[in-house]
Amino acid sequence: VVTHQNGDQTFFEYDGSWKWALPKDGISWISESKGRFTGGTGKFERISGTISVKVVGRGQSYVSSNWEVEYEIK
């Protein structure tokens, strides 16, 4: 679930992987996921589309994240 600033929410399901990397420049893990929207509330009630996320982290914190989202609201 993602809650947007106005309180509307988007729901999605995903499959992902998590891998530990050799420490380099403070990076120790990478998480990659692909998924699809399953619905939403408010202006996102009829959302459909796909999501691709890559998160790079160190310890319990993330260093960077890239989200690619392709969606349509009918």
Protein backbone atom coordinates (compact mmCIF):
# COMPACT_ATOMS: atom_id res chain seq x y z
CA VAL A 1 0.00 0.00 0.00
CA VAL A 2 1.20 3.50 -0.86
CA THR A 3 -0.59 6.41 0.82
CA HIS A 4 -0.40 9.67 -1.14
CA GLN A 5 -0.36 13.20 0.35
CA ASN A 6 -4.13 13.65 -0.04
CA GLY A 7 -4.85 10.31 1.72
CA ASP A 8 -5.72 8.32 -1.43
CA GLN A 9 -4.05 4.92 -1.59
CA THR A 10 -2.72 2.60 -4.28
CA PHE A 11 -2.46 -1.16 -3.77
CA PHE A 12 -0.06 -3.46 -5.58
CA GLU A 13 1.38 -6.95 -5.46
CA TYR A 14 4.93 -7.84 -6.41
CA ASP A 15 7.56 -10.52 -6.67
CA GLY A 16 11.07 -9.58 -5.78
CA SER A 17 14.58 -10.60 -4.92
CA TRP A 18 17.00 -9.51 -2.26
CA LYS A 19 20.72 -10.01 -2.61
CA TRP A 20 23.70 -9.12 -0.50
CA ALA A 21 26.55 -7.45 -2.33
CA LEU A 22 30.21 -7.24 -1.46
CA PRO A 23 30.65 -3.97 0.42
CA LYS A 24 31.67 -1.32 -2.09
CA ASP A 25 31.23 2.42 -1.61
CA GLY A 26 29.02 1.74 1.42
CA ILE A 27 26.55 -0.48 -0.48
CA SER A 28 25.75 -3.84 1.11
CA TRP A 29 22.45 -5.00 -0.41
CA ILE A 30 20.19 -4.63 -3.44
CA SER A 31 16.45 -5.34 -3.63
CA GLU A 32 14.64 -5.57 -6.99
CA SER A 33 10.89 -6.05 -7.42
CA LYS A 34 8.37 -6.14 -10.25
CA GLY A 35 4.64 -5.99 -9.74
CA ARG A 36 1.24 -4.69 -10.74
CA PHE A 37 -1.41 -2.42 -9.31
CA THR A 38 -4.39 -4.27 -7.82
CA GLY A 39 -6.56 -1.21 -7.05
CA GLY A 40 -6.76 1.99 -5.10
CA THR A 41 -8.95 4.53 -3.35
CA GLY A 42 -10.10 8.01 -4.33
CA LYS A 43 -8.67 9.14 -7.66
CA PHE A 44 -6.78 5.81 -7.91
CA GLU A 45 -9.92 3.64 -7.62
CA ARG A 46 -9.63 2.32 -11.21
CA ILE A 47 -5.83 2.20 -11.52
CA SER A 48 -4.05 -0.53 -13.48
CA GLY A 49 -0.45 -0.89 -14.58
CA THR A 50 3.01 -2.12 -13.62
CA ILE A 51 5.74 -1.25 -11.13
CA SER A 52 9.50 -1.89 -11.15
CA VAL A 53 11.54 -0.95 -8.07
CA LYS A 54 15.27 -1.16 -7.34
CA VAL A 55 16.52 -0.21 -3.87
CA VAL A 56 20.21 -0.08 -2.94
CA GLY A 57 21.12 -0.02 0.73
CA ARG A 58 23.63 -0.09 3.53
CA GLY A 59 22.82 -1.81 6.82
CA GLN A 60 19.15 -1.16 7.63
CA SER A 61 18.99 2.04 5.58
CA TYR A 62 18.61 2.61 1.88
CA VAL A 63 21.09 4.63 -0.14
CA SER A 64 18.93 5.10 -3.23
CA SER A 65 15.74 3.86 -4.82
CA ASN A 66 14.48 3.98 -8.39
CA TRP A 67 10.78 3.48 -9.14
CA GLU A 68 9.45 3.01 -12.66
CA VAL A 69 5.68 3.10 -12.80
CA GLU A 70 3.45 2.75 -15.83
CA TYR A 71 -0.25 3.12 -15.10
CA GLU A 72 -3.66 4.02 -16.45
CA ILE A 73 -6.75 5.25 -14.61
CA LYS A 74 -10.00 4.37 -16.36
